[in-house]
N, C-alpha and C. Protein backbone atom coordinates (compact mmCIF):
# COMPACT_ATOMS: atom_id res chain seq x y z
N MET A 1 -178.61 -146.69 46.06
CA MET A 1 -178.05 -147.45 44.94
C MET A 1 -178.09 -148.95 44.66
N THR A 2 -178.09 -149.20 43.28
CA THR A 2 -178.64 -150.23 42.60
C THR A 2 -177.61 -151.38 42.85
N PRO A 3 -178.02 -152.48 43.28
CA PRO A 3 -176.56 -153.64 43.48
C PRO A 3 -176.52 -154.37 42.75
N PHE A 4 -175.11 -155.09 42.45
CA PHE A 4 -174.62 -155.69 41.43
C PHE A 4 -173.86 -156.53 41.86
N PRO A 5 -174.01 -158.15 41.49
CA PRO A 5 -173.30 -158.94 41.64
C PRO A 5 -171.67 -158.87 41.92
N LEU A 6 -171.29 -158.83 43.11
CA LEU A 6 -169.38 -158.88 42.88
C LEU A 6 -169.08 -159.80 43.84
N LYS A 7 -168.01 -160.56 43.07
CA LYS A 7 -166.95 -161.69 43.38
C LYS A 7 -165.79 -161.32 43.67
N ILE A 8 -165.42 -161.58 44.79
CA ILE A 8 -163.85 -161.17 45.19
C ILE A 8 -162.72 -162.60 45.44
N VAL A 9 -162.12 -163.12 44.44
CA VAL A 9 -161.78 -164.20 44.60
C VAL A 9 -160.02 -164.56 44.56
N THR A 10 -159.16 -164.65 45.45
CA THR A 10 -157.76 -164.76 45.53
C THR A 10 -157.48 -165.77 45.34
N PRO A 11 -156.02 -166.19 45.19
CA PRO A 11 -155.54 -167.62 45.52
C PRO A 11 -156.08 -168.33 46.74
N ASP A 12 -156.28 -167.74 47.99
CA ASP A 12 -156.75 -168.20 49.08
C ASP A 12 -157.98 -168.85 49.04
N GLY A 13 -158.53 -168.39 47.93
CA GLY A 13 -159.93 -168.83 47.81
C GLY A 13 -161.28 -167.36 47.98
N VAL A 14 -162.50 -167.38 48.09
CA VAL A 14 -163.41 -166.51 47.81
C VAL A 14 -163.50 -165.23 48.83
N VAL A 15 -162.94 -164.28 49.14
CA VAL A 15 -162.87 -162.90 50.51
C VAL A 15 -164.50 -162.40 50.33
N PHE A 16 -165.07 -162.63 49.22
CA PHE A 16 -166.35 -161.68 49.32
C PHE A 16 -167.38 -162.10 48.06
N ASP A 17 -168.35 -162.51 48.37
CA ASP A 17 -169.51 -162.73 46.94
C ASP A 17 -170.91 -162.71 47.25
N GLY A 18 -171.42 -161.41 46.82
CA GLY A 18 -172.92 -161.33 47.00
C GLY A 18 -173.13 -159.79 46.45
N PRO A 19 -174.17 -159.18 46.86
CA PRO A 19 -174.22 -157.48 46.02
C PRO A 19 -173.44 -156.44 47.09
N ALA A 20 -173.35 -155.71 45.66
CA ALA A 20 -172.46 -154.67 46.17
C ALA A 20 -173.15 -153.15 45.43
N GLU A 21 -172.88 -152.20 46.10
CA GLU A 21 -173.54 -150.58 45.57
C GLU A 21 -172.40 -150.38 44.61
N SER A 22 -171.27 -150.19 45.16
CA SER A 22 -169.60 -149.99 44.20
C SER A 22 -168.50 -150.55 44.38
N LEU A 23 -167.97 -150.65 43.52
CA LEU A 23 -166.49 -150.98 44.12
C LEU A 23 -165.47 -150.07 43.60
N MET A 24 -164.38 -149.60 43.89
CA MET A 24 -163.29 -148.97 43.52
C MET A 24 -162.27 -149.30 43.86
N VAL A 25 -160.98 -149.64 42.66
CA VAL A 25 -159.96 -150.25 42.49
C VAL A 25 -159.09 -149.23 41.72
N ARG A 26 -157.77 -149.66 42.11
CA ARG A 26 -156.58 -148.88 41.46
C ARG A 26 -155.91 -150.02 40.10
N THR A 27 -156.20 -149.43 39.25
CA THR A 27 -156.10 -150.51 37.78
C THR A 27 -154.59 -149.85 37.43
N THR A 28 -153.97 -150.53 36.62
CA THR A 28 -152.71 -150.09 36.05
C THR A 28 -152.73 -148.47 35.43
N GLY A 29 -153.95 -148.39 34.75
CA GLY A 29 -154.18 -146.77 34.19
C GLY A 29 -154.97 -146.19 35.31
N GLY A 30 -154.86 -146.57 36.20
CA GLY A 30 -155.44 -145.61 37.44
C GLY A 30 -156.95 -145.75 37.91
N ASP A 31 -157.49 -145.26 38.89
CA ASP A 31 -158.33 -145.75 39.53
C ASP A 31 -159.85 -145.97 39.00
N ALA A 32 -160.73 -147.05 39.09
CA ALA A 32 -161.67 -147.42 38.35
C ALA A 32 -162.86 -147.61 39.61
N THR A 33 -163.83 -146.85 39.07
CA THR A 33 -165.40 -147.05 40.28
C THR A 33 -166.02 -147.94 39.34
N ILE A 34 -166.75 -148.91 39.83
CA ILE A 34 -167.59 -149.84 39.59
C ILE A 34 -169.00 -149.48 39.82
N LEU A 35 -169.96 -149.42 39.18
CA LEU A 35 -171.41 -149.40 39.83
C LEU A 35 -172.13 -150.23 38.67
N ALA A 36 -173.62 -150.21 39.55
CA ALA A 36 -174.48 -151.16 38.39
C ALA A 36 -174.67 -150.60 36.84
N ARG A 37 -174.98 -151.81 35.99
CA ARG A 37 -175.06 -151.36 34.68
C ARG A 37 -173.86 -150.68 34.12
N HIS A 38 -172.84 -151.17 34.63
CA HIS A 38 -171.52 -150.59 33.96
C HIS A 38 -171.14 -151.61 32.56
N MET A 39 -170.56 -150.58 31.92
CA MET A 39 -170.54 -151.43 30.61
C MET A 39 -169.36 -152.72 30.70
N ASP A 40 -169.13 -153.74 29.70
CA ASP A 40 -168.34 -154.69 30.13
C ASP A 40 -166.78 -154.25 29.93
N TYR A 41 -165.97 -154.53 31.00
CA TYR A 41 -164.99 -154.29 31.01
C TYR A 41 -163.76 -154.90 31.69
N VAL A 42 -162.39 -155.08 31.33
CA VAL A 42 -161.53 -156.13 32.04
C VAL A 42 -160.32 -155.19 31.78
N ALA A 43 -159.51 -154.95 33.24
CA ALA A 43 -158.76 -154.26 33.29
C ALA A 43 -157.42 -155.29 34.46
N ALA A 44 -156.48 -154.68 34.11
CA ALA A 44 -155.29 -154.93 35.39
C ALA A 44 -155.14 -154.15 36.23
N LEU A 45 -154.92 -155.05 37.62
CA LEU A 45 -154.78 -154.18 39.02
C LEU A 45 -153.61 -153.59 39.21
N GLY A 46 -153.06 -152.71 39.51
CA GLY A 46 -152.30 -152.41 40.00
C GLY A 46 -152.20 -152.33 41.84
N MET A 47 -151.78 -151.61 42.37
CA MET A 47 -151.38 -151.42 43.92
C MET A 47 -151.99 -150.50 44.32
N GLY A 48 -153.16 -150.59 45.50
CA GLY A 48 -153.58 -149.44 45.92
C GLY A 48 -154.70 -150.26 46.54
N LEU A 49 -155.51 -149.05 46.79
CA LEU A 49 -156.83 -149.69 48.11
C LEU A 49 -157.98 -150.30 46.75
N ALA A 50 -159.04 -150.55 47.67
CA ALA A 50 -160.04 -151.33 46.73
C ALA A 50 -160.99 -151.29 47.95
N ILE A 51 -162.43 -150.12 47.88
CA ILE A 51 -163.26 -149.70 48.27
C ILE A 51 -164.62 -150.46 47.97
N VAL A 52 -165.22 -151.16 49.16
CA VAL A 52 -166.32 -151.95 48.43
C VAL A 52 -167.49 -151.46 49.52
N VAL A 53 -168.75 -150.98 48.79
CA VAL A 53 -169.84 -150.41 49.49
C VAL A 53 -170.90 -151.50 49.36
N ALA A 54 -171.11 -152.54 50.50
CA ALA A 54 -172.12 -153.40 50.16
C ALA A 54 -173.28 -153.05 51.49
N ASP A 55 -174.45 -153.08 51.10
CA ASP A 55 -175.75 -152.90 52.33
C ASP A 55 -175.42 -151.45 52.72
N GLY A 56 -175.12 -150.96 52.38
CA GLY A 56 -174.81 -149.34 52.56
C GLY A 56 -173.40 -149.02 53.76
N LYS A 57 -172.74 -150.32 53.83
CA LYS A 57 -171.67 -150.34 54.44
C LYS A 57 -170.31 -150.32 53.66
N ARG A 58 -169.46 -149.17 53.81
CA ARG A 58 -167.99 -149.03 53.05
C ARG A 58 -166.89 -150.06 53.83
N ARG A 59 -166.43 -150.73 53.02
CA ARG A 59 -164.96 -151.51 53.80
C ARG A 59 -163.62 -151.50 52.96
N THR A 60 -162.60 -150.91 53.48
CA THR A 60 -161.64 -150.84 52.72
C THR A 60 -160.58 -152.13 52.86
N ALA A 61 -159.80 -152.16 51.66
CA ALA A 61 -158.68 -153.50 51.69
C ALA A 61 -157.73 -152.81 50.84
N ALA A 62 -156.39 -153.31 51.34
CA ALA A 62 -155.33 -153.44 50.66
C ALA A 62 -155.57 -154.29 49.41
N CYS A 63 -155.30 -154.16 47.98
CA CYS A 63 -155.79 -154.82 46.70
C CYS A 63 -154.59 -154.67 46.08
N ILE A 64 -153.70 -156.03 45.89
CA ILE A 64 -152.30 -155.80 44.69
C ILE A 64 -152.30 -156.89 43.69
N GLY A 65 -152.53 -156.02 42.39
CA GLY A 65 -152.01 -157.36 41.56
C GLY A 65 -153.47 -157.85 40.72
N GLY A 66 -153.37 -158.42 39.87
CA GLY A 66 -154.83 -159.02 39.26
C GLY A 66 -155.41 -158.96 38.67
N MET A 67 -156.53 -158.95 38.26
CA MET A 67 -157.34 -158.67 37.39
C MET A 67 -159.07 -157.94 37.57
N LEU A 68 -159.50 -157.08 37.03
CA LEU A 68 -160.98 -157.10 37.24
C LEU A 68 -161.70 -157.11 35.92
N SER A 69 -162.83 -157.51 36.36
CA SER A 69 -163.92 -158.17 35.21
C SER A 69 -164.94 -157.83 35.54
N VAL A 70 -166.17 -156.83 34.29
CA VAL A 70 -167.18 -156.50 34.27
C VAL A 70 -167.73 -157.45 32.95
N LYS A 71 -168.87 -158.32 33.43
CA LYS A 71 -169.15 -159.18 31.90
C LYS A 71 -170.94 -158.83 32.17
N ASN A 72 -171.36 -158.83 31.68
CA ASN A 72 -173.18 -158.59 31.90
C ASN A 72 -173.54 -158.60 32.99
N GLY A 73 -172.94 -157.14 33.49
CA GLY A 73 -173.52 -156.76 35.11
C GLY A 73 -172.65 -157.62 35.81
N GLU A 74 -172.00 -158.81 35.71
CA GLU A 74 -171.28 -159.43 37.27
C GLU A 74 -170.10 -158.83 36.87
N VAL A 75 -169.48 -158.63 38.05
CA VAL A 75 -168.16 -157.95 38.51
C VAL A 75 -167.32 -159.04 39.37
N THR A 76 -166.11 -159.32 38.63
CA THR A 76 -164.97 -160.20 39.54
C THR A 76 -163.88 -159.62 39.53
N LEU A 77 -163.71 -159.65 40.79
CA LEU A 77 -162.14 -159.23 40.99
C LEU A 77 -161.23 -160.49 41.44
N VAL A 78 -160.24 -160.72 40.67
CA VAL A 78 -159.39 -161.60 40.83
C VAL A 78 -157.85 -161.10 41.52
N PRO A 79 -157.44 -160.71 42.52
CA PRO A 79 -156.55 -160.21 43.26
C PRO A 79 -155.60 -160.94 43.17
N THR A 80 -154.14 -160.78 43.44
CA THR A 80 -153.28 -161.37 43.61
C THR A 80 -153.20 -161.39 45.61
N THR A 81 -153.42 -160.09 45.93
CA THR A 81 -153.28 -160.27 47.31
C THR A 81 -154.63 -159.15 47.85
N PHE A 82 -155.23 -159.58 48.50
CA PHE A 82 -156.53 -158.80 48.99
C PHE A 82 -156.45 -158.85 50.36
N GLU A 83 -156.28 -157.63 51.30
CA GLU A 83 -156.51 -157.86 52.64
C GLU A 83 -157.45 -156.87 52.94
N TRP A 84 -158.55 -157.18 53.95
CA TRP A 84 -159.54 -156.21 54.62
C TRP A 84 -158.67 -155.37 55.51
N SER A 85 -158.91 -154.21 55.28
CA SER A 85 -158.32 -153.25 56.81
C SER A 85 -158.28 -153.59 57.79
N ASP A 86 -159.46 -154.27 58.51
CA ASP A 86 -158.97 -154.67 59.48
C ASP A 86 -158.61 -156.10 59.97
N ALA A 87 -158.17 -156.41 59.05
CA ALA A 87 -156.92 -157.92 59.06
C ALA A 87 -155.75 -157.38 59.26
N ILE A 88 -155.37 -156.33 58.91
CA ILE A 88 -153.99 -155.86 58.13
C ILE A 88 -153.09 -155.97 59.52
N ASP A 89 -151.76 -156.51 59.45
CA ASP A 89 -151.19 -156.52 60.72
C ASP A 89 -149.74 -155.36 60.34
N VAL A 90 -150.50 -153.84 60.97
CA VAL A 90 -149.71 -152.72 60.89
C VAL A 90 -148.23 -153.00 61.27
N GLN A 91 -148.14 -153.79 62.39
CA GLN A 91 -146.45 -153.82 62.82
C GLN A 91 -145.79 -154.71 62.02
N ARG A 92 -146.85 -155.31 61.22
CA ARG A 92 -145.48 -156.45 60.14
C ARG A 92 -145.62 -155.59 59.21
N ALA A 93 -146.44 -154.23 58.65
CA ALA A 93 -146.14 -153.58 57.35
C ALA A 93 -144.85 -152.88 57.72
N GLU A 94 -145.16 -152.06 59.19
CA GLU A 94 -144.05 -151.19 59.24
C GLU A 94 -142.34 -151.90 59.39
N ALA A 95 -142.68 -153.03 59.54
CA ALA A 95 -141.44 -153.73 59.70
C ALA A 95 -141.18 -153.83 58.74
N SER A 96 -141.58 -154.52 57.53
CA SER A 96 -141.33 -154.48 56.16
C SER A 96 -140.79 -153.34 55.31
N ILE A 97 -141.44 -152.25 55.62
CA ILE A 97 -140.88 -150.85 55.42
C ILE A 97 -139.46 -150.60 55.62
N GLN A 98 -139.40 -151.22 57.25
CA GLN A 98 -138.00 -150.60 57.95
C GLN A 98 -136.90 -151.73 56.87
N ARG A 99 -137.39 -152.88 56.44
CA ARG A 99 -136.48 -153.71 55.86
C ARG A 99 -136.27 -152.97 54.71
N ALA A 100 -136.96 -152.64 54.15
CA ALA A 100 -136.95 -152.27 52.32
C ALA A 100 -136.02 -150.83 52.69
N ASP A 101 -136.06 -150.08 53.54
CA ASP A 101 -135.88 -148.78 53.34
C ASP A 101 -133.91 -149.22 54.06
N ARG A 102 -133.64 -150.30 54.74
CA ARG A 102 -132.15 -150.46 55.07
C ARG A 102 -131.79 -150.88 53.54
N ILE A 103 -132.29 -151.79 52.72
CA ILE A 103 -132.00 -151.84 51.44
C ILE A 103 -131.89 -151.05 50.34
N LEU A 104 -132.71 -150.26 50.41
CA LEU A 104 -132.59 -149.14 49.54
C LEU A 104 -131.32 -148.21 49.74
N HIS A 105 -131.11 -148.21 51.35
CA HIS A 105 -130.12 -147.26 51.47
C HIS A 105 -128.69 -147.96 51.34
N ASP A 106 -128.36 -148.99 51.26
CA ASP A 106 -127.31 -150.05 51.55
C ASP A 106 -126.77 -149.78 50.08
N GLU A 107 -125.28 -149.08 49.83
CA GLU A 107 -124.55 -148.94 48.92
C GLU A 107 -124.14 -150.31 47.72
N ASN A 108 -124.17 -151.27 48.83
CA ASN A 108 -123.44 -152.33 48.22
C ASN A 108 -125.05 -153.24 47.22
N ALA A 109 -125.79 -152.83 47.49
CA ALA A 109 -127.19 -153.51 47.06
C ALA A 109 -127.07 -153.82 45.48
N SER A 110 -127.86 -154.89 45.09
CA SER A 110 -127.64 -155.33 43.65
C SER A 110 -128.88 -154.62 43.17
N SER A 111 -129.01 -154.15 41.66
CA SER A 111 -130.15 -153.68 41.45
C SER A 111 -131.32 -154.36 41.16
N THR A 112 -131.24 -155.83 41.74
CA THR A 112 -132.20 -156.65 41.70
C THR A 112 -132.87 -156.73 43.16
N ASP A 113 -131.71 -156.40 44.11
CA ASP A 113 -132.25 -156.24 45.66
C ASP A 113 -132.95 -154.67 45.50
N LEU A 114 -132.57 -153.92 44.93
CA LEU A 114 -132.98 -152.58 44.87
C LEU A 114 -134.89 -152.51 44.40
N ARG A 115 -135.13 -153.48 43.07
CA ARG A 115 -136.18 -153.58 42.45
C ARG A 115 -136.94 -154.21 43.50
N LEU A 116 -136.90 -155.56 44.02
CA LEU A 116 -137.21 -156.38 45.16
C LEU A 116 -137.95 -155.20 46.53
N ALA A 117 -136.52 -154.67 46.96
CA ALA A 117 -136.95 -153.61 48.17
C ALA A 117 -137.89 -152.58 47.52
N GLU A 118 -138.14 -152.04 46.33
CA GLU A 118 -138.96 -151.11 46.12
C GLU A 118 -140.70 -151.70 46.08
N ALA A 119 -140.63 -152.76 45.44
CA ALA A 119 -141.64 -153.61 45.14
C ALA A 119 -142.22 -153.84 47.09
N ARG A 120 -141.23 -154.27 47.79
CA ARG A 120 -141.69 -154.44 49.13
C ARG A 120 -142.37 -153.17 49.80
N LEU A 121 -141.54 -152.15 49.56
CA LEU A 121 -141.98 -151.10 50.05
C LEU A 121 -143.58 -150.28 49.75
N HIS A 122 -143.26 -150.08 48.40
CA HIS A 122 -144.86 -150.44 47.63
C HIS A 122 -145.88 -150.94 48.28
N ARG A 123 -145.61 -152.33 48.57
CA ARG A 123 -146.89 -153.12 49.07
C ARG A 123 -146.77 -152.94 50.20
N ALA A 124 -146.22 -152.80 51.19
CA ALA A 124 -146.12 -152.49 52.49
C ALA A 124 -146.85 -151.07 52.76
N LEU A 125 -146.52 -149.77 52.09
CA LEU A 125 -147.15 -148.99 52.33
C LEU A 125 -148.81 -148.83 51.89
N VAL A 126 -149.06 -149.48 51.06
CA VAL A 126 -151.05 -149.75 50.74
C VAL A 126 -150.83 -150.22 51.72
N ARG A 127 -150.54 -151.26 52.25
CA ARG A 127 -151.13 -152.23 53.44
C ARG A 127 -151.40 -150.98 54.76
N LYS A 128 -150.26 -150.64 55.09
CA LYS A 128 -150.41 -149.48 55.93
C LYS A 128 -151.44 -148.10 55.71
N SER A 129 -151.47 -147.81 54.36
CA SER A 129 -152.38 -146.83 54.22
C SER A 129 -153.81 -147.28 54.41
N ALA A 130 -154.24 -148.90 53.92
CA ALA A 130 -155.46 -149.02 54.21
C ALA A 130 -155.87 -149.38 55.38
N ALA A 131 -155.11 -149.87 56.01
CA ALA A 131 -155.27 -150.14 57.91
C ALA A 131 -155.78 -148.79 58.42
N ASN A 132 -154.89 -147.69 57.90
CA ASN A 132 -155.35 -146.45 58.18
C ASN A 132 -156.34 -145.58 57.63
N PHE A 133 -156.88 -146.08 56.63
CA PHE A 133 -158.16 -145.27 55.99
C PHE A 133 -159.62 -145.55 56.55
N LYS A 134 -160.01 -144.25 56.78
CA LYS A 134 -161.02 -143.86 57.74
C LYS A 134 -162.04 -143.27 56.71
């Protein structure tokens, strides 16, 4: 496949900067796959897996929030959170799922607490899914 320049930048710094053959991410409108010569494109990111193919090798990550931009063949991914699958702490994600579950089953939880617990649960499930993706 023909490579294209891909840069992945988070608030913590540059995660990836080099040629890639494909990028698949979850946008707020659904999954998007970027290949070389993709038309100019901008999208808000949702919560889901990101799959980067570079040098013929596929790497998976949890990708949450942010923006995707394709401009003149250069692709920039600016997620709020981006964690490669091999760096995800599955025990931490599982603990977060359990904390969120307790709040979601608490009859006295406020609507704000419930919304925050739902978001925590979703993020933790994405991380766990990315860590277990084969």
